Amino acid sequence: MKKPRHLKLIIILAILIVLMGFVYYRYTQSFSYQYTAARQADAKKDYDAAIPHYLKALESDQNDVKVLCALGNDYIRLKRPGMAENYLLRAVKSNGSYERAFEPLLKLYESEAAYNKMEDIYQYAESDQVKTLFKDYLIKPPVFSVDGGKFSDDVTLTLSLPDDADDDYQIFYTTDGKAPNGVNGHLYDGTSLYLTEGQTKVRAVCRNSNGKFGEVASETYTIKYVKPDEPKVSPNGGDFTKKTKVKINAASDCTVYYSWKNQKPDERSKKYTKEITVPKGYHVLSVVAIDRHGLKSKTYHMGFSYYPD
């Protein structure tokens, strides 16, 4: 028994519908469709909607640099830096000549002050154009002549450009712990910074000819003055029958004052400038050293007895 003609048409039509549905489904799963849908969502600034389409497009080509870059930029716009870094890093590894992948990643690292990561991705830069990008981001910090730490005296500090810096770099610095770029930074003119007692945090940065600031270097100097040692006296007291001269030694930055009256000497007492003669009779010589900061040593006392034969 033959099937009615209209039944055959229905079956054929059903098959066509299924085939068309399958083709349409395959098309909606294609790279072209997903990428176009993602771009349309981006144009509407609907980044949450764009990302699933980009991810679906990425299934067709895991290393498509445009898709990886687009995902990274969308995650930046959504303030998800960790995800942005993931896809942008894949993009620069995939194509070392694609400038649009390197630039947003460098900006991301700059915002996080992650200069070590900038150095890491430089190895993937293949073209001169991409390598030129790094000049505005990978700006190394100035070099400090003295490392930070604890000191007992003043520190003379100089700042210099790093070895690979361009000649037109400038150095800016602060001594109050504030960021050296912007309104707080002072242009370094090559004059040494003289740090005195207290705690000083020096921060410094280089700026290139395009006005871009780089990595900030920081050192903290804690200076606490120490009292000078007692002067050394020779001879160190004693009994004498002949004329005797006394020599006093102290640190080079100290001034020595003395008295024969068994009292504590100070700046109003006699200043030691050359050997002094022991006076007749019994006397107590008192000496003190005062450094350039005005700090006094302990007063040193010793007895001298001089009775000529």
Foldseek 3Di string as FASTA:
>chain_A
DDDDPVVVVVVVVVVVVVVVVVVVVVVCLELVNLQVQLVVCVVVVNLVRNLVSLVSSCVVPVQPLVSLLSQLVSCVVVVNNVRSLVSLLSNLQSPLDPQSSLVVNLVSCQVVLVLVVVVVSCVSRDDPVNNVSCLQENQDWWDWPDAADEEQFKDWIWTHGDPPDDPQKWKWKAFAPDDQPDPRTDTDPGHIDIGGAAKTKMKMWIAHPVRHTYRIDIHMHHYHHDAFAFWDKPPQADEEQDKDWMDIDGDPQKWKFKDFAPDADDPVGHTDDDIDIDDAAKTKMWMWIAGPVRHIYDIDIYMYHYHHD
